[in-house]
N, C-alpha and C. Protein backbone atom coordinates (compact mmCIF):
# COMPACT_ATOMS: atom_id res chain seq x y z
N MET A 1 -46.36 39.86 143.97
CA MET A 1 -45.12 39.05 144.01
C MET A 1 -45.05 38.21 145.19
N VAL A 2 -44.93 36.90 144.97
CA VAL A 2 -44.80 35.92 145.91
C VAL A 2 -43.36 35.39 145.95
N GLY A 3 -42.61 35.59 146.97
CA GLY A 3 -41.22 35.28 147.08
C GLY A 3 -40.30 36.28 146.30
N ARG A 4 -38.98 35.76 146.34
CA ARG A 4 -37.97 36.71 145.88
C ARG A 4 -37.04 35.96 144.59
N GLU A 5 -37.63 34.89 144.20
CA GLU A 5 -36.83 34.17 143.06
C GLU A 5 -37.54 34.29 141.84
N ILE A 6 -36.69 34.33 140.79
CA ILE A 6 -37.27 34.44 139.39
C ILE A 6 -37.39 33.15 138.87
N VAL A 7 -38.58 32.83 138.27
CA VAL A 7 -38.83 31.49 137.72
C VAL A 7 -39.28 31.61 136.27
N ARG A 8 -38.68 30.94 135.34
CA ARG A 8 -38.96 31.06 134.02
C ARG A 8 -39.14 29.64 133.36
N VAL A 9 -40.24 29.40 132.78
CA VAL A 9 -40.57 28.13 132.06
C VAL A 9 -40.05 28.34 130.58
N LEU A 10 -39.18 27.37 130.17
CA LEU A 10 -38.64 27.49 128.74
C LEU A 10 -39.10 26.21 127.99
N ASP A 11 -39.85 26.42 126.84
CA ASP A 11 -40.14 25.13 126.13
C ASP A 11 -39.46 25.27 124.86
N SER A 12 -39.38 24.12 124.14
CA SER A 12 -38.61 24.00 122.84
C SER A 12 -39.27 22.98 121.98
N THR A 13 -39.23 23.11 120.63
CA THR A 13 -39.69 22.23 119.72
C THR A 13 -38.63 21.93 118.69
N PRO A 14 -38.82 21.02 117.87
CA PRO A 14 -37.82 20.74 116.80
C PRO A 14 -37.79 22.01 115.75
N ASP A 15 -38.92 22.84 115.82
CA ASP A 15 -38.95 23.96 114.90
C ASP A 15 -38.07 25.10 115.37
N ASP A 16 -37.71 25.11 116.61
CA ASP A 16 -36.87 26.16 117.11
C ASP A 16 -35.39 26.09 116.57
N ARG A 17 -34.99 27.14 116.07
CA ARG A 17 -33.61 27.19 115.53
C ARG A 17 -32.56 26.85 116.55
N LEU A 18 -32.73 27.47 117.78
CA LEU A 18 -31.84 27.08 119.03
C LEU A 18 -32.75 27.18 120.15
N PRO A 19 -32.99 26.10 120.86
CA PRO A 19 -33.88 26.15 121.96
C PRO A 19 -33.32 27.19 123.09
N LEU A 20 -34.34 27.94 123.72
CA LEU A 20 -33.94 28.81 124.79
C LEU A 20 -33.21 28.16 125.95
N TYR A 21 -33.71 27.03 126.30
CA TYR A 21 -33.08 26.35 127.36
C TYR A 21 -31.61 26.10 127.11
N TYR A 22 -31.37 25.57 125.95
CA TYR A 22 -29.99 25.24 125.54
C TYR A 22 -29.07 26.57 125.58
N ILE A 23 -29.60 27.61 125.09
CA ILE A 23 -28.83 28.81 125.16
C ILE A 23 -28.58 29.37 126.55
N ALA A 24 -29.69 29.26 127.45
CA ALA A 24 -29.64 29.58 128.86
C ALA A 24 -28.60 28.70 129.59
N LEU A 25 -28.56 27.46 129.36
CA LEU A 25 -27.76 26.54 129.98
C LEU A 25 -26.23 26.87 129.61
N LEU A 26 -25.95 27.02 128.33
CA LEU A 26 -24.63 27.24 127.87
C LEU A 26 -24.14 28.62 128.39
N SER A 27 -25.11 29.58 128.47
CA SER A 27 -24.56 30.91 129.09
C SER A 27 -24.30 30.69 130.55
N ALA A 28 -25.13 29.99 131.35
CA ALA A 28 -24.85 29.89 132.75
C ALA A 28 -23.51 29.02 132.91
N ILE A 29 -23.11 28.13 132.09
CA ILE A 29 -21.99 27.28 132.21
C ILE A 29 -20.79 28.07 131.97
N ARG A 30 -20.92 29.04 130.82
CA ARG A 30 -19.83 29.88 130.38
C ARG A 30 -19.45 30.88 131.45
N ASN A 31 -20.52 31.24 132.24
CA ASN A 31 -20.27 32.30 133.32
C ASN A 31 -20.07 31.88 134.69
N ALA A 32 -20.12 30.55 134.78
CA ALA A 32 -19.99 30.04 136.12
C ALA A 32 -18.66 30.38 136.74
N GLU A 33 -18.59 30.61 138.05
CA GLU A 33 -17.43 31.02 138.81
C GLU A 33 -16.94 30.07 139.81
N GLN A 34 -18.04 29.28 140.45
CA GLN A 34 -17.58 28.32 141.56
C GLN A 34 -18.02 26.91 141.29
N ARG A 35 -19.33 26.64 140.89
CA ARG A 35 -19.86 25.34 140.84
C ARG A 35 -20.72 25.19 139.65
N ILE A 36 -20.55 23.95 138.93
CA ILE A 36 -21.57 23.54 137.95
C ILE A 36 -21.85 22.05 138.25
N TRP A 37 -23.01 21.86 138.81
CA TRP A 37 -23.45 20.43 139.09
C TRP A 37 -24.61 19.98 138.25
N VAL A 38 -24.44 18.92 137.44
CA VAL A 38 -25.50 18.50 136.52
C VAL A 38 -25.78 17.09 136.76
N SER A 39 -27.16 16.77 136.65
CA SER A 39 -27.59 15.28 136.63
C SER A 39 -28.28 15.20 135.29
N ALA A 40 -27.96 14.13 134.66
CA ALA A 40 -28.67 13.86 133.29
C ALA A 40 -28.87 12.27 133.13
N ALA A 41 -30.07 12.05 132.74
CA ALA A 41 -30.41 10.63 132.46
C ALA A 41 -29.64 10.05 131.18
N TYR A 42 -29.54 10.91 130.27
CA TYR A 42 -28.87 10.62 129.00
C TYR A 42 -27.81 11.81 128.79
N PHE A 43 -26.61 11.42 128.85
CA PHE A 43 -25.51 12.32 128.72
C PHE A 43 -24.68 12.06 127.50
N VAL A 44 -25.02 12.62 126.46
CA VAL A 44 -24.22 12.51 125.08
C VAL A 44 -24.18 14.04 124.69
N PRO A 45 -23.27 14.79 125.27
CA PRO A 45 -23.24 16.22 125.14
C PRO A 45 -22.89 16.63 123.73
N THR A 46 -23.47 17.88 123.36
CA THR A 46 -22.98 18.51 122.09
C THR A 46 -21.63 19.02 122.28
N HIS A 47 -21.00 19.30 121.11
CA HIS A 47 -19.63 19.83 121.20
C HIS A 47 -19.58 20.96 122.08
N GLU A 48 -20.44 21.87 122.01
CA GLU A 48 -20.39 22.98 122.72
C GLU A 48 -20.55 22.84 124.30
N GLU A 49 -21.46 21.94 124.63
CA GLU A 49 -21.59 21.44 126.01
C GLU A 49 -20.40 20.89 126.55
N LEU A 50 -19.73 19.99 125.85
CA LEU A 50 -18.58 19.24 126.19
C LEU A 50 -17.44 20.34 126.48
N GLU A 51 -17.25 21.17 125.44
CA GLU A 51 -16.14 22.20 125.48
C GLU A 51 -16.33 23.10 126.60
N ASP A 52 -17.64 23.56 126.86
CA ASP A 52 -17.86 24.56 127.95
C ASP A 52 -17.68 23.80 129.33
N LEU A 53 -18.02 22.58 129.47
CA LEU A 53 -17.82 21.89 130.85
C LEU A 53 -16.38 21.77 131.03
N GLU A 54 -15.52 21.36 129.96
CA GLU A 54 -14.15 21.23 130.12
C GLU A 54 -13.50 22.49 130.49
N ASN A 55 -13.87 23.53 129.74
CA ASN A 55 -13.35 24.88 130.00
C ASN A 55 -13.55 25.38 131.37
N ALA A 56 -14.62 25.14 131.81
CA ALA A 56 -15.07 25.60 133.18
C ALA A 56 -14.16 24.88 134.18
N ALA A 57 -14.04 23.54 134.08
CA ALA A 57 -13.17 22.95 134.98
C ALA A 57 -11.72 23.32 134.88
N ARG A 58 -11.26 23.53 133.74
CA ARG A 58 -9.89 24.08 133.63
C ARG A 58 -9.71 25.47 134.27
N ARG A 59 -10.71 26.20 134.39
CA ARG A 59 -10.57 27.59 134.95
C ARG A 59 -10.89 27.56 136.48
N GLY A 60 -10.92 26.34 137.00
CA GLY A 60 -11.12 26.16 138.44
C GLY A 60 -12.54 26.02 138.95
N VAL A 61 -13.54 25.89 138.11
CA VAL A 61 -14.85 25.71 138.57
C VAL A 61 -15.11 24.19 138.98
N ASP A 62 -15.77 24.00 140.04
CA ASP A 62 -16.05 22.72 140.56
C ASP A 62 -17.14 22.04 139.67
N VAL A 63 -16.82 21.32 138.63
CA VAL A 63 -17.69 20.72 137.67
C VAL A 63 -17.96 19.24 138.04
N ARG A 64 -19.16 18.95 138.46
CA ARG A 64 -19.51 17.62 138.68
C ARG A 64 -20.79 17.05 137.87
N LEU A 65 -20.66 15.88 137.48
CA LEU A 65 -21.70 15.30 136.62
C LEU A 65 -22.30 14.00 137.46
N LEU A 66 -23.53 13.95 137.57
CA LEU A 66 -24.19 12.75 138.18
C LEU A 66 -24.89 12.05 137.12
N LEU A 67 -24.32 10.95 136.78
CA LEU A 67 -24.84 10.24 135.50
C LEU A 67 -25.27 8.71 135.75
N PRO A 68 -25.89 8.17 135.11
CA PRO A 68 -26.38 6.75 135.26
C PRO A 68 -25.33 5.74 135.15
N SER A 69 -25.34 4.75 135.95
CA SER A 69 -24.50 3.56 135.74
C SER A 69 -25.23 2.41 134.96
N HIS A 70 -26.61 2.62 134.86
CA HIS A 70 -27.38 1.58 134.00
C HIS A 70 -28.32 2.49 133.33
N SER A 71 -28.82 2.11 132.24
CA SER A 71 -29.68 2.86 131.36
C SER A 71 -30.63 1.94 130.46
N ASP A 72 -31.73 2.35 130.18
CA ASP A 72 -32.52 1.72 129.12
C ASP A 72 -32.04 1.90 127.75
N SER A 73 -30.96 2.70 127.50
CA SER A 73 -30.31 2.87 126.31
C SER A 73 -28.82 2.68 126.44
N SER A 74 -28.47 1.36 126.28
CA SER A 74 -26.99 1.03 126.31
C SER A 74 -26.07 1.77 125.42
N LYS A 75 -26.66 2.22 124.10
CA LYS A 75 -25.92 3.02 123.31
C LYS A 75 -25.65 4.38 123.74
N ALA A 76 -26.77 5.04 124.40
CA ALA A 76 -26.60 6.33 124.92
C ALA A 76 -25.66 6.26 126.10
N LEU A 77 -25.70 5.37 126.95
CA LEU A 77 -24.76 5.26 128.08
C LEU A 77 -23.30 5.06 127.54
N ALA A 78 -23.15 4.20 126.60
CA ALA A 78 -21.73 4.01 125.99
C ALA A 78 -21.25 5.23 125.33
N ALA A 79 -22.09 5.94 124.57
CA ALA A 79 -21.68 7.10 123.85
C ALA A 79 -21.27 8.29 124.91
N GLY A 80 -22.07 8.35 126.02
CA GLY A 80 -21.70 9.35 126.91
C GLY A 80 -20.34 8.99 127.65
N ARG A 81 -20.17 7.66 127.94
CA ARG A 81 -18.81 7.25 128.60
C ARG A 81 -17.63 7.49 127.62
N SER A 82 -17.91 7.49 126.34
CA SER A 82 -16.83 7.81 125.41
C SER A 82 -16.15 9.16 125.75
N HIS A 83 -16.80 10.05 126.32
CA HIS A 83 -16.40 11.38 126.66
C HIS A 83 -15.66 11.45 128.03
N TYR A 84 -15.79 10.42 128.88
CA TYR A 84 -15.26 10.53 130.20
C TYR A 84 -13.83 10.90 130.29
N SER A 85 -12.94 10.26 129.50
CA SER A 85 -11.42 10.49 129.50
C SER A 85 -11.23 11.90 129.40
N ASP A 86 -11.74 12.63 128.38
CA ASP A 86 -11.43 14.04 128.10
C ASP A 86 -12.07 14.88 129.29
N LEU A 87 -13.23 14.46 129.77
CA LEU A 87 -13.71 15.34 130.78
C LEU A 87 -12.88 15.27 132.15
N LEU A 88 -12.53 13.86 132.50
CA LEU A 88 -11.65 13.65 133.65
C LEU A 88 -10.37 14.39 133.50
N GLU A 89 -9.73 14.43 132.35
CA GLU A 89 -8.50 15.05 132.17
C GLU A 89 -8.62 16.54 132.33
N ALA A 90 -9.72 17.10 131.96
CA ALA A 90 -9.99 18.61 132.24
C ALA A 90 -10.25 18.86 133.65
N GLY A 91 -10.58 17.81 134.54
CA GLY A 91 -10.79 18.03 135.87
C GLY A 91 -12.18 18.05 136.23
N VAL A 92 -13.11 17.49 135.40
CA VAL A 92 -14.39 17.33 135.75
C VAL A 92 -14.59 16.07 136.56
N LYS A 93 -15.48 16.13 137.58
CA LYS A 93 -15.69 15.03 138.48
C LYS A 93 -16.96 14.26 138.06
N ILE A 94 -16.87 13.08 137.92
CA ILE A 94 -17.94 12.19 137.30
C ILE A 94 -18.32 11.16 138.35
N PHE A 95 -19.63 11.19 138.63
CA PHE A 95 -20.28 10.25 139.43
C PHE A 95 -21.25 9.47 138.80
N GLU A 96 -21.26 8.22 139.05
CA GLU A 96 -22.48 7.31 138.56
C GLU A 96 -23.37 6.89 139.63
N ALA A 97 -24.56 7.11 139.49
CA ALA A 97 -25.61 6.68 140.48
C ALA A 97 -25.61 5.13 140.54
N ARG A 98 -25.74 4.61 141.64
CA ARG A 98 -25.64 3.14 141.72
C ARG A 98 -27.11 2.73 142.39
N ASP A 99 -27.57 1.53 142.01
CA ASP A 99 -28.73 0.85 142.54
C ASP A 99 -30.03 1.70 142.26
N VAL A 100 -29.97 2.68 141.34
CA VAL A 100 -31.22 3.20 140.85
C VAL A 100 -31.13 3.53 139.49
N ILE A 101 -32.35 3.72 138.91
CA ILE A 101 -32.44 4.21 137.45
C ILE A 101 -32.40 5.73 137.58
N LEU A 102 -31.43 6.35 137.19
CA LEU A 102 -31.33 7.84 137.19
C LEU A 102 -32.18 8.39 136.00
N HIS A 103 -33.21 9.18 136.26
CA HIS A 103 -33.94 9.87 135.29
C HIS A 103 -34.01 11.35 135.48
N ALA A 104 -33.22 11.91 136.45
CA ALA A 104 -33.36 13.33 136.77
C ALA A 104 -32.53 14.04 135.73
N LYS A 105 -33.03 15.30 135.30
CA LYS A 105 -32.52 16.23 134.42
C LYS A 105 -32.43 17.57 135.21
N GLU A 106 -31.31 17.77 135.98
CA GLU A 106 -31.18 18.91 136.82
C GLU A 106 -29.81 19.64 136.69
N ALA A 107 -29.89 20.90 137.04
CA ALA A 107 -28.55 21.54 137.07
C ALA A 107 -28.67 22.60 138.10
N VAL A 108 -27.47 22.90 138.88
CA VAL A 108 -27.31 24.02 139.63
C VAL A 108 -25.95 24.61 139.46
N ILE A 109 -26.02 26.05 139.38
CA ILE A 109 -24.70 26.63 138.99
C ILE A 109 -24.55 27.70 139.86
N ASP A 110 -23.40 27.78 140.62
CA ASP A 110 -22.96 28.80 141.66
C ASP A 110 -24.07 29.04 142.62
N GLY A 111 -24.92 28.10 142.95
CA GLY A 111 -25.97 28.11 144.01
C GLY A 111 -26.95 29.10 143.65
N VAL A 112 -27.07 29.70 142.54
CA VAL A 112 -28.17 30.74 142.22
C VAL A 112 -28.85 30.43 140.88
N TRP A 113 -28.37 29.63 140.03
CA TRP A 113 -29.04 29.31 138.79
C TRP A 113 -29.40 27.79 138.77
N SER A 114 -30.67 27.57 138.75
CA SER A 114 -31.06 26.14 138.99
C SER A 114 -32.02 25.76 137.83
N SER A 115 -32.02 24.57 137.43
CA SER A 115 -33.08 24.11 136.43
C SER A 115 -33.47 22.61 136.59
N ILE A 116 -34.59 22.33 136.21
CA ILE A 116 -35.19 21.07 136.24
C ILE A 116 -36.15 20.93 135.18
N GLY A 117 -36.14 19.85 134.44
CA GLY A 117 -37.13 19.73 133.43
C GLY A 117 -36.95 18.40 132.53
N SER A 118 -37.28 18.36 131.28
CA SER A 118 -37.28 17.34 130.51
C SER A 118 -36.03 17.13 129.50
N SER A 119 -35.22 18.21 129.40
CA SER A 119 -34.16 18.21 128.52
C SER A 119 -33.05 17.40 129.13
N ASN A 120 -32.47 16.47 128.33
CA ASN A 120 -31.34 15.84 128.57
C ASN A 120 -30.04 16.56 128.18
N PHE A 121 -28.91 16.01 128.55
CA PHE A 121 -27.69 16.70 128.12
C PHE A 121 -27.26 15.99 126.89
N ASP A 122 -28.06 16.12 125.86
CA ASP A 122 -27.74 15.51 124.58
C ASP A 122 -28.27 16.26 123.34
N ARG A 123 -27.77 15.93 122.30
CA ARG A 123 -27.99 16.47 120.99
C ARG A 123 -29.56 16.42 120.61
N ARG A 124 -30.10 15.20 120.92
CA ARG A 124 -31.49 14.94 120.53
C ARG A 124 -32.44 15.99 121.31
N SER A 125 -32.14 16.25 122.58
CA SER A 125 -32.90 17.24 123.31
C SER A 125 -32.88 18.56 122.58
N VAL A 126 -31.68 18.93 122.12
CA VAL A 126 -31.53 20.30 121.56
C VAL A 126 -32.13 20.34 120.08
N LEU A 127 -32.09 19.24 119.34
CA LEU A 127 -32.61 19.31 118.00
C LEU A 127 -33.85 18.70 117.74
N PHE A 128 -34.25 17.59 118.33
CA PHE A 128 -35.28 16.79 117.80
C PHE A 128 -36.57 16.63 118.74
N ASN A 129 -36.38 17.05 120.09
CA ASN A 129 -37.46 16.78 120.99
C ASN A 129 -38.29 17.93 121.40
N ASP A 130 -39.49 17.71 121.75
CA ASP A 130 -40.29 18.75 122.42
C ASP A 130 -39.89 18.65 123.98
N GLU A 131 -39.50 19.79 124.50
CA GLU A 131 -38.96 19.66 125.90
C GLU A 131 -39.55 20.96 126.69
N VAL A 132 -39.59 20.83 127.94
CA VAL A 132 -40.00 21.91 128.78
C VAL A 132 -39.09 21.87 130.06
N ASP A 133 -38.46 23.05 130.45
CA ASP A 133 -37.64 23.16 131.56
C ASP A 133 -37.93 24.42 132.32
N VAL A 134 -37.74 24.40 133.67
CA VAL A 134 -37.92 25.45 134.57
C VAL A 134 -36.51 25.97 134.99
N VAL A 135 -36.27 27.21 134.82
CA VAL A 135 -34.99 27.77 135.31
C VAL A 135 -35.42 28.70 136.55
N VAL A 136 -34.71 28.63 137.53
CA VAL A 136 -34.96 29.38 138.70
C VAL A 136 -33.67 30.14 139.07
N LEU A 137 -33.87 31.53 139.27
CA LEU A 137 -32.69 32.28 139.67
C LEU A 137 -32.99 32.69 141.09
N GLY A 138 -32.13 32.25 141.95
CA GLY A 138 -32.34 32.55 143.41
C GLY A 138 -31.47 31.60 144.25
N GLY A 139 -31.01 32.12 145.44
CA GLY A 139 -30.26 31.35 146.28
C GLY A 139 -31.00 30.26 147.11
N THR A 140 -32.19 30.58 147.38
CA THR A 140 -32.97 29.55 148.32
C THR A 140 -33.00 28.21 147.45
N THR A 141 -33.57 28.39 146.20
CA THR A 141 -33.75 27.14 145.43
C THR A 141 -32.34 26.45 145.09
N GLY A 142 -31.45 27.31 144.76
CA GLY A 142 -30.01 26.94 144.56
C GLY A 142 -29.47 26.10 145.64
N ALA A 143 -29.70 26.57 146.94
CA ALA A 143 -29.20 25.89 148.21
C ALA A 143 -29.79 24.54 148.31
N ARG A 144 -31.20 24.55 148.07
CA ARG A 144 -31.97 23.21 148.15
C ARG A 144 -31.43 22.27 147.18
N MET A 145 -31.15 22.74 145.88
CA MET A 145 -30.74 21.89 144.89
C MET A 145 -29.28 21.34 145.21
N GLU A 146 -28.48 22.18 145.80
CA GLU A 146 -27.04 21.70 146.17
C GLU A 146 -27.25 20.64 147.24
N ALA A 147 -28.09 20.78 148.13
CA ALA A 147 -28.17 19.75 149.28
C ALA A 147 -28.69 18.56 148.75
N ILE A 148 -29.54 18.48 147.75
CA ILE A 148 -29.99 17.28 147.02
C ILE A 148 -28.89 16.63 146.35
N PHE A 149 -28.22 17.46 145.65
CA PHE A 149 -27.01 16.90 144.89
C PHE A 149 -25.92 16.21 145.90
N ASP A 150 -25.65 17.07 146.94
CA ASP A 150 -24.73 16.44 147.94
C ASP A 150 -25.00 15.12 148.40
N ASP A 151 -26.35 14.93 148.79
CA ASP A 151 -26.85 13.55 149.14
C ASP A 151 -26.69 12.49 148.01
N ASP A 152 -26.97 12.89 146.73
CA ASP A 152 -26.87 12.07 145.67
C ASP A 152 -25.41 11.64 145.36
N PHE A 153 -24.57 12.73 145.42
CA PHE A 153 -23.12 12.26 145.27
C PHE A 153 -22.49 11.27 146.19
N LYS A 154 -23.11 11.40 147.54
CA LYS A 154 -22.62 10.40 148.51
C LYS A 154 -23.03 8.97 148.21
N GLU A 155 -24.19 8.92 147.52
CA GLU A 155 -24.69 7.58 147.15
C GLU A 155 -24.30 7.07 145.73
N ALA A 156 -23.33 7.77 145.17
CA ALA A 156 -22.90 7.42 143.84
C ALA A 156 -21.43 7.07 143.85
N ASP A 157 -21.09 6.32 142.78
CA ASP A 157 -19.72 5.93 142.59
C ASP A 157 -18.87 6.95 141.77
N ARG A 158 -17.81 7.47 142.41
CA ARG A 158 -17.12 8.48 141.59
C ARG A 158 -16.15 7.69 140.69
N ILE A 159 -15.95 8.22 139.54
CA ILE A 159 -15.16 7.63 138.47
C ILE A 159 -13.80 8.06 138.67
N ASP A 160 -12.82 7.13 138.83
CA ASP A 160 -11.47 7.46 138.99
C ASP A 160 -10.77 7.46 137.61
N ALA A 161 -10.12 8.47 137.40
CA ALA A 161 -9.37 8.64 136.02
C ALA A 161 -8.45 7.45 135.77
N GLU A 162 -7.72 7.04 136.67
CA GLU A 162 -6.68 5.98 136.57
C GLU A 162 -7.41 4.63 136.19
N ALA A 163 -8.35 4.35 137.17
CA ALA A 163 -9.25 3.14 136.83
C ALA A 163 -9.86 3.17 135.59
N TRP A 164 -10.47 4.38 135.28
CA TRP A 164 -11.15 4.45 133.99
C TRP A 164 -10.20 4.19 132.77
N SER A 165 -9.04 4.63 132.84
CA SER A 165 -8.08 4.41 131.73
C SER A 165 -7.65 2.82 131.64
N ASP A 166 -7.94 2.11 132.62
CA ASP A 166 -7.74 0.60 132.58
C ASP A 166 -8.78 -0.20 132.08
N ARG A 167 -9.89 0.43 131.67
CA ARG A 167 -11.07 -0.47 131.22
C ARG A 167 -10.61 -1.16 129.88
N SER A 168 -11.37 -2.23 129.53
CA SER A 168 -11.02 -3.15 128.44
C SER A 168 -11.15 -2.49 127.04
N LEU A 169 -10.30 -3.05 126.19
CA LEU A 169 -10.41 -2.62 124.89
C LEU A 169 -11.85 -2.69 124.13
N SER A 170 -12.57 -3.79 124.48
CA SER A 170 -13.91 -4.01 123.99
C SER A 170 -14.85 -2.94 124.55
N GLU A 171 -14.65 -2.45 125.72
CA GLU A 171 -15.50 -1.41 126.22
C GLU A 171 -15.21 -0.13 125.48
N ARG A 172 -13.95 0.14 125.28
CA ARG A 172 -13.64 1.36 124.57
C ARG A 172 -14.12 1.34 123.13
N PHE A 173 -14.04 0.22 122.41
CA PHE A 173 -14.63 0.09 121.13
C PHE A 173 -16.08 0.17 121.12
N ASP A 174 -16.79 -0.33 121.96
CA ASP A 174 -18.33 -0.24 122.12
C ASP A 174 -18.60 1.20 122.29
N GLU A 175 -17.86 1.99 123.17
CA GLU A 175 -18.13 3.42 123.42
C GLU A 175 -17.97 4.25 122.18
N MET A 176 -16.90 3.94 121.47
CA MET A 176 -16.57 4.81 120.24
C MET A 176 -17.58 4.47 119.14
N VAL A 177 -18.03 3.16 118.92
CA VAL A 177 -18.98 2.92 117.94
C VAL A 177 -20.37 3.60 118.38
N ALA A 178 -20.69 3.54 119.59
CA ALA A 178 -21.97 4.19 120.09
C ALA A 178 -21.86 5.60 119.91
N ARG A 179 -20.75 6.30 120.12
CA ARG A 179 -20.51 7.69 119.98
C ARG A 179 -20.67 8.12 118.50
N LEU A 180 -20.17 7.34 117.65
CA LEU A 180 -20.29 7.64 116.16
C LEU A 180 -21.69 7.46 115.74
N LEU A 181 -22.32 6.42 116.22
CA LEU A 181 -23.77 6.21 115.79
C LEU A 181 -24.70 7.38 116.43
N TRP A 182 -24.44 7.72 117.73
CA TRP A 182 -25.23 8.78 118.34
C TRP A 182 -25.05 10.06 117.67
N GLU A 183 -23.81 10.45 117.30
CA GLU A 183 -23.53 11.74 116.75
C GLU A 183 -23.93 11.93 115.32
N TYR A 184 -23.80 10.73 114.55
CA TYR A 184 -24.05 11.00 113.03
C TYR A 184 -25.18 10.36 112.61
N TRP A 185 -25.95 9.51 113.41
CA TRP A 185 -26.98 8.77 112.85
C TRP A 185 -28.31 8.95 113.61
N LEU A 186 -28.21 9.04 114.91
CA LEU A 186 -29.40 9.17 115.76
C LEU A 186 -29.80 10.56 115.81
C-alpha cells in the first residue's frame, strides 16, 4: 500500500445502463454536508443533477459551479445558462471563467471526495459517450483540489442573481431554444 487515499478509475460506455461515475457523483452530492465544488466544460445537467445541486444548496451546502464564459459549443453554453436562474434562486454560486477556455471536469465534495476525468456535467456524458474518470477518497487530494478551485474562483466572474435577471429577452430565448434542443434532440 502506497499512501492512505483510495483511488478508483471508473469507465463508462453507451452500453452501460447507468454509468458508475454518474451514480457515484449523485451519491456524493446527495450526501454532501459542507461543500460541493464542480468545474465543467459543458454544463447541461440532467434533471437529477440539477435537482440534487439545488437541494444541497437549500440544505446549506456551499455549492459552487465553475463554468465557461466562452465555449466551442454555443448551444451547450446557452442550454447550461438556461438553468442559472433556478440554481441561483436555490443558493448555488455560479462562476464563469474569464480569459480562458475552460475544459476541466473536476469535482471536490466536503474536501474528501474528489474526481477528475472526461465526464462533463451533461446528459451526453451519461448516455452517449465513452468516458473515464478517477475518484479519490481522501483529505490530502481533497485539500489540493480545493486550493486549485479557490485560485480559479478568484480568477472568475461570479454571476449575480439580480444582474442575471436583467439579461435581454433575446438571450433568454436563445437559452430556452438551446435547452430544448439539447434535452430532446442532441
